[in-house]
Amino acid sequence: MIQVRYFARLRDQLGSPGEEMNEFPPTIGELAERLAARGGNWAEALGGTVLMAINQEMVGPDAPLKDGDEVAFLPPVTGG
């Protein structure tokens, strides 16, 4: 099982701070694609550019997932 967390704007768009998943793909990028494939708000929130982290470490889309991981999706940071 993995813990999936949604932060900031993503949490608001999806109406959820996160979820647990017993079945998950081998990489975080594939997880993002699978979640976006839910359509609607999911496609809008996760279908574009998002930052990804596993166990509080920023990773790229090819990072492998394993049982017990905490996964986080965050919107891109903008300056101002």
PDB file of N, CA and C in Angstrom:
ATOM      1  N   MET A   1       0.841  -1.170   0.000  1.00  0.00           N
ATOM      2  CA  MET A   1       0.000   0.000   0.000  1.00  0.00           C
ATOM      3  C   MET A   1       0.893   1.242   0.000  1.00  0.00           C
ATOM      4  N   ILE A   2       0.462   2.267  -0.725  1.00  0.00           N
ATOM      5  CA  ILE A   2       1.130   3.558  -0.700  1.00  0.00           C
ATOM      6  C   ILE A   2       0.142   4.626  -0.237  1.00  0.00           C
ATOM      7  N   GLN A   3       0.677   5.688   0.331  1.00  0.00           N
ATOM      8  CA  GLN A   3      -0.115   6.859   0.713  1.00  0.00           C
ATOM      9  C   GLN A   3       0.112   7.909  -0.364  1.00  0.00           C
ATOM     10  N   VAL A   4      -0.957   8.438  -0.931  1.00  0.00           N
ATOM     11  CA  VAL A   4      -0.854   9.474  -1.943  1.00  0.00           C
ATOM     12  C   VAL A   4      -1.412  10.761  -1.346  1.00  0.00           C
ATOM     13  N   ARG A   5      -0.631  11.831  -1.425  1.00  0.00           N
ATOM     14  CA  ARG A   5      -1.032  13.124  -0.867  1.00  0.00           C
ATOM     15  C   ARG A   5      -1.108  14.156  -1.986  1.00  0.00           C
ATOM     16  N   TYR A   6      -2.103  15.021  -1.901  1.00  0.00           N
ATOM     17  CA  TYR A   6      -2.282  16.121  -2.854  1.00  0.00           C
ATOM     18  C   TYR A   6      -2.147  17.427  -2.081  1.00  0.00           C
ATOM     19  N   PHE A   7      -1.341  18.349  -2.599  1.00  0.00           N
ATOM     20  CA  PHE A   7      -1.067  19.587  -1.881  1.00  0.00           C
ATOM     21  C   PHE A   7      -1.534  20.821  -2.643  1.00  0.00           C
ATOM     22  N   ALA A   8      -1.822  21.867  -1.872  1.00  0.00           N
ATOM     23  CA  ALA A   8      -2.160  23.210  -2.363  1.00  0.00           C
ATOM     24  C   ALA A   8      -3.316  23.163  -3.354  1.00  0.00           C
ATOM     25  N   ARG A   9      -3.132  23.751  -4.510  1.00  0.00           N
ATOM     26  CA  ARG A   9      -4.188  23.844  -5.532  1.00  0.00           C
ATOM     27  C   ARG A   9      -4.722  22.470  -5.927  1.00  0.00           C
ATOM     28  N   LEU A  10      -3.854  21.467  -5.958  1.00  0.00           N
ATOM     29  CA  LEU A  10      -4.303  20.117  -6.350  1.00  0.00           C
ATOM     30  C   LEU A  10      -5.317  19.577  -5.349  1.00  0.00           C
ATOM     31  N   ARG A  11      -5.045  19.790  -4.071  1.00  0.00           N
ATOM     32  CA  ARG A  11      -5.976  19.337  -3.023  1.00  0.00           C
ATOM     33  C   ARG A  11      -7.331  20.005  -3.211  1.00  0.00           C
ATOM     34  N   ASP A  12      -7.315  21.303  -3.516  1.00  0.00           N
ATOM     35  CA  ASP A  12      -8.566  22.031  -3.725  1.00  0.00           C
ATOM     36  C   ASP A  12      -9.306  21.531  -4.963  1.00  0.00           C
ATOM     37  N   GLN A  13      -8.585  21.315  -6.059  1.00  0.00           N
ATOM     38  CA  GLN A  13      -9.219  20.849  -7.302  1.00  0.00           C
ATOM     39  C   GLN A  13      -9.828  19.461  -7.137  1.00  0.00           C
ATOM     40  N   LEU A  14      -9.132  18.600  -6.412  1.00  0.00           N
ATOM     41  CA  LEU A  14      -9.572  17.213  -6.289  1.00  0.00           C
ATOM     42  C   LEU A  14     -10.523  17.008  -5.114  1.00  0.00           C
ATOM     43  N   GLY A  15     -10.598  17.988  -4.225  1.00  0.00           N
ATOM     44  CA  GLY A  15     -11.493  17.874  -3.079  1.00  0.00           C
ATOM     45  C   GLY A  15     -11.062  16.817  -2.086  1.00  0.00           C
ATOM     46  N   SER A  16      -9.753  16.546  -2.053  1.00  0.00           N
ATOM     47  CA  SER A  16      -9.253  15.505  -1.156  1.00  0.00           C
ATOM     48  C   SER A  16      -7.785  15.782  -0.816  1.00  0.00           C
ATOM     49  N   PRO A  17      -7.399  15.529   0.435  1.00  0.00           N
ATOM     50  CA  PRO A  17      -5.984  15.679   0.790  1.00  0.00           C
ATOM     51  C   PRO A  17      -5.145  14.471   0.379  1.00  0.00           C
ATOM     52  N   GLY A  18      -5.807  13.364   0.042  1.00  0.00           N
ATOM     53  CA  GLY A  18      -5.049  12.187  -0.359  1.00  0.00           C
ATOM     54  C   GLY A  18      -5.869  10.916  -0.301  1.00  0.00           C
ATOM     55  N   GLU A  19      -5.175   9.811  -0.548  1.00  0.00           N
ATOM     56  CA  GLU A  19      -5.820   8.502  -0.540  1.00  0.00           C
ATOM     57  C   GLU A  19      -4.781   7.412  -0.355  1.00  0.00           C
ATOM     58  N   GLU A  20      -5.245   6.231  -0.012  1.00  0.00           N
ATOM     59  CA  GLU A  20      -4.391   5.048   0.076  1.00  0.00           C
ATOM     60  C   GLU A  20      -4.651   4.195  -1.150  1.00  0.00           C
ATOM     61  N   MET A  21      -3.599   3.590  -1.671  1.00  0.00           N
ATOM     62  CA  MET A  21      -3.748   2.717  -2.832  1.00  0.00           C
ATOM     63  C   MET A  21      -3.062   1.384  -2.546  1.00  0.00           C
ATOM     64  N   ASN A  22      -3.830   0.309  -2.668  1.00  0.00           N
ATOM     65  CA  ASN A  22      -3.266  -1.022  -2.487  1.00  0.00           C
ATOM     66  C   ASN A  22      -2.592  -1.522  -3.760  1.00  0.00           C
ATOM     67  N   GLU A  23      -3.127  -1.115  -4.892  1.00  0.00           N
ATOM     68  CA  GLU A  23      -2.544  -1.493  -6.178  1.00  0.00           C
ATOM     69  C   GLU A  23      -2.046  -0.227  -6.850  1.00  0.00           C
ATOM     70  N   PHE A  24      -0.812  -0.276  -7.334  1.00  0.00           N
ATOM     71  CA  PHE A  24      -0.215   0.905  -7.933  1.00  0.00           C
ATOM     72  C   PHE A  24       0.786   0.491  -9.012  1.00  0.00           C
ATOM     73  N   PRO A  25       1.043   1.376  -9.989  1.00  0.00           N
ATOM     74  CA  PRO A  25       1.977   1.062 -11.068  1.00  0.00           C
ATOM     75  C   PRO A  25       3.428   1.116 -10.579  1.00  0.00           C
ATOM     76  N   PRO A  26       4.368   0.720 -11.424  1.00  0.00           N
ATOM     77  CA  PRO A  26       5.765   0.661 -10.990  1.00  0.00           C
ATOM     78  C   PRO A  26       6.459   2.009 -10.818  1.00  0.00           C
ATOM     79  N   THR A  27       5.978   3.081 -11.468  1.00  0.00           N
ATOM     80  CA  THR A  27       6.645   4.376 -11.340  1.00  0.00           C
ATOM     81  C   THR A  27       5.653   5.477 -10.958  1.00  0.00           C
ATOM     82  N   ILE A  28       6.183   6.555 -10.410  1.00  0.00           N
ATOM     83  CA  ILE A  28       5.334   7.675 -10.004  1.00  0.00           C
ATOM     84  C   ILE A  28       4.727   8.372 -11.222  1.00  0.00           C
ATOM     85  N   GLY A  29       5.459   8.413 -12.333  1.00  0.00           N
ATOM     86  CA  GLY A  29       4.909   9.012 -13.540  1.00  0.00           C
ATOM     87  C   GLY A  29       3.703   8.243 -14.054  1.00  0.00           C
ATOM     88  N   GLU A  30       3.788   6.917 -13.998  1.00  0.00           N
ATOM     89  CA  GLU A  30       2.654   6.092 -14.415  1.00  0.00           C
ATOM     90  C   GLU A  30       1.475   6.273 -13.452  1.00  0.00           C
ATOM     91  N   LEU A  31       1.774   6.494 -12.180  1.00  0.00           N
ATOM     92  CA  LEU A  31       0.707   6.757 -11.211  1.00  0.00           C
ATOM     93  C   LEU A  31      -0.001   8.062 -11.562  1.00  0.00           C
ATOM     94  N   ALA A  32       0.758   9.106 -11.874  1.00  0.00           N
ATOM     95  CA  ALA A  32       0.156  10.387 -12.260  1.00  0.00           C
ATOM     96  C   ALA A  32      -0.724  10.213 -13.491  1.00  0.00           C
ATOM     97  N   GLU A  33      -0.256   9.440 -14.473  1.00  0.00           N
ATOM     98  CA  GLU A  33      -1.047   9.190 -15.683  1.00  0.00           C
ATOM     99  C   GLU A  33      -2.326   8.433 -15.352  1.00  0.00           C
ATOM    100  N   ARG A  34      -2.221   7.446 -14.493  1.00  0.00           N
ATOM    101  CA  ARG A  34      -3.395   6.652 -14.111  1.00  0.00           C
ATOM    102  C   ARG A  34      -4.423   7.519 -13.388  1.00  0.00           C
ATOM    103  N   LEU A  35      -3.959   8.396 -12.505  1.00  0.00           N
ATOM    104  CA  LEU A  35      -4.873   9.287 -11.796  1.00  0.00           C
ATOM    105  C   LEU A  35      -5.515  10.290 -12.754  1.00  0.00           C
ATOM    106  N   ALA A  36      -4.733  10.851 -13.673  1.00  0.00           N
ATOM    107  CA  ALA A  36      -5.265  11.803 -14.657  1.00  0.00           C
ATOM    108  C   ALA A  36      -6.307  11.138 -15.550  1.00  0.00           C
ATOM    109  N   ALA A  37      -6.148   9.842 -15.794  1.00  0.00           N
ATOM    110  CA  ALA A  37      -7.080   9.100 -16.648  1.00  0.00           C
ATOM    111  C   ALA A  37      -8.473   8.976 -16.016  1.00  0.00           C
ATOM    112  N   ARG A  38      -8.605   9.342 -14.756  1.00  0.00           N
ATOM    113  CA  ARG A  38      -9.928   9.357 -14.133  1.00  0.00           C
ATOM    114  C   ARG A  38     -10.819  10.413 -14.785  1.00  0.00           C
ATOM    115  N   GLY A  39     -10.202  11.372 -15.471  1.00  0.00           N
ATOM    116  CA  GLY A  39     -10.944  12.397 -16.202  1.00  0.00           C
ATOM    117  C   GLY A  39     -11.367  13.559 -15.329  1.00  0.00           C
ATOM    118  N   GLY A  40     -12.068  14.506 -15.930  1.00  0.00           N
ATOM    119  CA  GLY A  40     -12.593  15.662 -15.203  1.00  0.00           C
ATOM    120  C   GLY A  40     -11.516  16.440 -14.471  1.00  0.00           C
ATOM    121  N   ASN A  41     -11.786  16.721 -13.187  1.00  0.00           N
ATOM    122  CA  ASN A  41     -10.835  17.466 -12.361  1.00  0.00           C
ATOM    123  C   ASN A  41      -9.486  16.761 -12.260  1.00  0.00           C
ATOM    124  N   TRP A  42      -9.512  15.441 -12.289  1.00  0.00           N
ATOM    125  CA  TRP A  42      -8.271  14.668 -12.195  1.00  0.00           C
ATOM    126  C   TRP A  42      -7.367  14.945 -13.391  1.00  0.00           C
ATOM    127  N   ALA A  43      -7.945  14.945 -14.571  1.00  0.00           N
ATOM    128  CA  ALA A  43      -7.164  15.214 -15.787  1.00  0.00           C
ATOM    129  C   ALA A  43      -6.629  16.643 -15.762  1.00  0.00           C
ATOM    130  N   GLU A  44      -7.460  17.567 -15.302  1.00  0.00           N
ATOM    131  CA  GLU A  44      -7.038  18.965 -15.238  1.00  0.00           C
ATOM    132  C   GLU A  44      -5.916  19.154 -14.213  1.00  0.00           C
ATOM    133  N   ALA A  45      -6.044  18.535 -13.048  1.00  0.00           N
ATOM    134  CA  ALA A  45      -5.073  18.720 -11.970  1.00  0.00           C
ATOM    135  C   ALA A  45      -3.755  17.996 -12.227  1.00  0.00           C
ATOM    136  N   LEU A  46      -3.829  16.784 -12.755  1.00  0.00           N
ATOM    137  CA  LEU A  46      -2.626  15.958 -12.863  1.00  0.00           C
ATOM    138  C   LEU A  46      -2.173  15.698 -14.294  1.00  0.00           C
ATOM    139  N   GLY A  47      -2.916  16.203 -15.271  1.00  0.00           N
ATOM    140  CA  GLY A  47      -2.563  15.960 -16.664  1.00  0.00           C
ATOM    141  C   GLY A  47      -1.483  16.881 -17.202  1.00  0.00           C
ATOM    142  N   GLY A  48      -1.193  17.945 -16.478  1.00  0.00           N
ATOM    143  CA  GLY A  48      -0.168  18.888 -16.915  1.00  0.00           C
ATOM    144  C   GLY A  48       1.109  18.713 -16.114  1.00  0.00           C
ATOM    145  N   THR A  49       1.773  19.810 -15.873  1.00  0.00           N
ATOM    146  CA  THR A  49       3.014  19.788 -15.111  1.00  0.00           C
ATOM    147  C   THR A  49       2.713  19.769 -13.614  1.00  0.00           C
ATOM    148  N   VAL A  50       3.234  18.773 -12.936  1.00  0.00           N
ATOM    149  CA  VAL A  50       3.133  18.694 -11.481  1.00  0.00           C
ATOM    150  C   VAL A  50       4.490  18.273 -10.924  1.00  0.00           C
ATOM    151  N   LEU A  51       4.766  18.681  -9.715  1.00  0.00           N
ATOM    152  CA  LEU A  51       5.961  18.222  -9.014  1.00  0.00           C
ATOM    153  C   LEU A  51       5.600  16.940  -8.280  1.00  0.00           C
ATOM    154  N   MET A  52       6.566  16.031  -8.191  1.00  0.00           N
ATOM    155  CA  MET A  52       6.315  14.732  -7.572  1.00  0.00           C
ATOM    156  C   MET A  52       7.392  14.440  -6.536  1.00  0.00           C
ATOM    157  N   ALA A  53       6.981  13.807  -5.456  1.00  0.00           N
ATOM    158  CA  ALA A  53       7.925  13.431  -4.402  1.00  0.00           C
ATOM    159  C   ALA A  53       7.568  12.041  -3.878  1.00  0.00           C
ATOM    160  N   ILE A  54       8.593  11.327  -3.495  1.00  0.00           N
ATOM    161  CA  ILE A  54       8.425  10.041  -2.819  1.00  0.00           C
ATOM    162  C   ILE A  54       9.167  10.145  -1.497  1.00  0.00           C
ATOM    163  N   ASN A  55       8.463   9.881  -0.419  1.00  0.00           N
ATOM    164  CA  ASN A  55       9.042   9.949   0.925  1.00  0.00           C
ATOM    165  C   ASN A  55       9.761  11.278   1.154  1.00  0.00           C
ATOM    166  N   GLN A  56       9.103  12.358   0.746  1.00  0.00           N
ATOM    167  CA  GLN A  56       9.544  13.741   0.945  1.00  0.00           C
ATOM    168  C   GLN A  56      10.815  14.093   0.176  1.00  0.00           C
ATOM    169  N   GLU A  57      11.095  13.364  -0.898  1.00  0.00           N
ATOM    170  CA  GLU A  57      12.232  13.671  -1.766  1.00  0.00           C
ATOM    171  C   GLU A  57      11.708  13.889  -3.181  1.00  0.00           C
ATOM    172  N   MET A  58      12.021  15.039  -3.770  1.00  0.00           N
ATOM    173  CA  MET A  58      11.561  15.342  -5.121  1.00  0.00           C
ATOM    174  C   MET A  58      12.168  14.329  -6.099  1.00  0.00           C
ATOM    175  N   VAL A  59      11.321  13.841  -7.016  1.00  0.00           N
ATOM    176  CA  VAL A  59      11.759  12.818  -7.964  1.00  0.00           C
ATOM    177  C   VAL A  59      11.197  13.127  -9.351  1.00  0.00           C
ATOM    178  N   GLY A  60      11.757  12.442 -10.330  1.00  0.00           N
ATOM    179  CA  GLY A  60      11.250  12.526 -11.692  1.00  0.00           C
ATOM    180  C   GLY A  60      10.238  11.434 -11.948  1.00  0.00           C
ATOM    181  N   PRO A  61       9.614  11.449 -13.127  1.00  0.00           N
ATOM    182  CA  PRO A  61       8.540  10.506 -13.427  1.00  0.00           C
ATOM    183  C   PRO A  61       8.969   9.040 -13.497  1.00  0.00           C
ATOM    184  N   ASP A  62      10.251   8.777 -13.658  1.00  0.00           N
ATOM    185  CA  ASP A  62      10.717   7.390 -13.743  1.00  0.00           C
ATOM    186  C   ASP A  62      11.050   6.775 -12.390  1.00  0.00           C
ATOM    187  N   ALA A  63      10.859   7.525 -11.309  1.00  0.00           N
ATOM    188  CA  ALA A  63      11.184   7.012  -9.974  1.00  0.00           C
ATOM    189  C   ALA A  63      10.275   5.841  -9.617  1.00  0.00           C
ATOM    190  N   PRO A  64      10.870   4.744  -9.149  1.00  0.00           N
ATOM    191  CA  PRO A  64      10.068   3.561  -8.817  1.00  0.00           C
ATOM    192  C   PRO A  64       9.279   3.720  -7.520  1.00  0.00           C
ATOM    193  N   LEU A  65       8.116   3.066  -7.489  1.00  0.00           N
ATOM    194  CA  LEU A  65       7.284   3.020  -6.294  1.00  0.00           C
ATOM    195  C   LEU A  65       7.410   1.661  -5.640  1.00  0.00           C
ATOM    196  N   LYS A  66       7.360   1.659  -4.298  1.00  0.00           N
ATOM    197  CA  LYS A  66       7.365   0.392  -3.569  1.00  0.00           C
ATOM    198  C   LYS A  66       6.392   0.472  -2.406  1.00  0.00           C
ATOM    199  N   ASP A  67       5.994  -0.665  -1.946  1.00  0.00           N
ATOM    200  CA  ASP A  67       5.054  -0.748  -0.838  1.00  0.00           C
ATOM    201  C   ASP A  67       5.561   0.082   0.339  1.00  0.00           C
ATOM    202  N   GLY A  68       4.677   0.857   0.939  1.00  0.00           N
ATOM    203  CA  GLY A  68       5.016   1.673   2.095  1.00  0.00           C
ATOM    204  C   GLY A  68       5.419   3.101   1.763  1.00  0.00           C
ATOM    205  N   ASP A  69       5.573   3.429   0.482  1.00  0.00           N
ATOM    206  CA  ASP A  69       5.968   4.786   0.093  1.00  0.00           C
ATOM    207  C   ASP A  69       4.866   5.798   0.383  1.00  0.00           C
ATOM    208  N   GLU A  70       5.293   7.034   0.659  1.00  0.00           N
ATOM    209  CA  GLU A  70       4.392   8.170   0.715  1.00  0.00           C
ATOM    210  C   GLU A  70       4.683   9.005  -0.530  1.00  0.00           C
ATOM    211  N   VAL A  71       3.670   9.185  -1.348  1.00  0.00           N
ATOM    212  CA  VAL A  71       3.796   9.894  -2.614  1.00  0.00           C
ATOM    213  C   VAL A  71       3.095  11.238  -2.478  1.00  0.00           C
ATOM    214  N   ALA A  72       3.717  12.284  -3.023  1.00  0.00           N
ATOM    215  CA  ALA A  72       3.100  13.606  -2.977  1.00  0.00           C
ATOM    216  C   ALA A  72       3.088  14.221  -4.369  1.00  0.00           C
ATOM    217  N   PHE A  73       1.972  14.862  -4.698  1.00  0.00           N
ATOM    218  CA  PHE A  73       1.845  15.637  -5.933  1.00  0.00           C
ATOM    219  C   PHE A  73       1.631  17.088  -5.526  1.00  0.00           C
ATOM    220  N   LEU A  74       2.411  17.993  -6.133  1.00  0.00           N
ATOM    221  CA  LEU A  74       2.357  19.410  -5.799  1.00  0.00           C
ATOM    222  C   LEU A  74       2.300  20.229  -7.081  1.00  0.00           C
ATOM    223  N   PRO A  75       1.622  21.372  -7.042  1.00  0.00           N
ATOM    224  CA  PRO A  75       1.626  22.223  -8.225  1.00  0.00           C
ATOM    225  C   PRO A  75       3.007  22.840  -8.396  1.00  0.00           C
ATOM    226  N   PRO A  76       3.362  23.229  -9.616  1.00  0.00           N
ATOM    227  CA  PRO A  76       4.648  23.887  -9.823  1.00  0.00           C
ATOM    228  C   PRO A  76       4.735  25.184  -9.018  1.00  0.00           C
ATOM    229  N   VAL A  77       5.916  25.514  -8.575  1.00  0.00           N
ATOM    230  CA  VAL A  77       6.150  26.720  -7.806  1.00  0.00           C
ATOM    231  C   VAL A  77       6.352  27.882  -8.770  1.00  0.00           C
ATOM    232  N   THR A  78       5.678  28.983  -8.518  1.00  0.00           N
ATOM    233  CA  THR A  78       5.851  30.171  -9.348  1.00  0.00           C
ATOM    234  C   THR A  78       6.434  31.293  -8.508  1.00  0.00           C
ATOM    235  N   GLY A  79       7.246  32.081  -9.129  1.00  0.00           N
ATOM    236  CA  GLY A  79       7.883  33.203  -8.416  1.00  0.00           C
ATOM    237  C   GLY A  79       7.067  34.462  -8.569  1.00  0.00           C
ATOM    238  N   GLY A  80       7.454  35.459  -7.817  1.00  0.00           N
ATOM    239  CA  GLY A  80       6.726  36.713  -7.959  1.00  0.00           C
ATOM    240  C   GLY A  80       7.204  37.764  -7.031  1.00  0.00           C
TER     241      GLY A  80
END
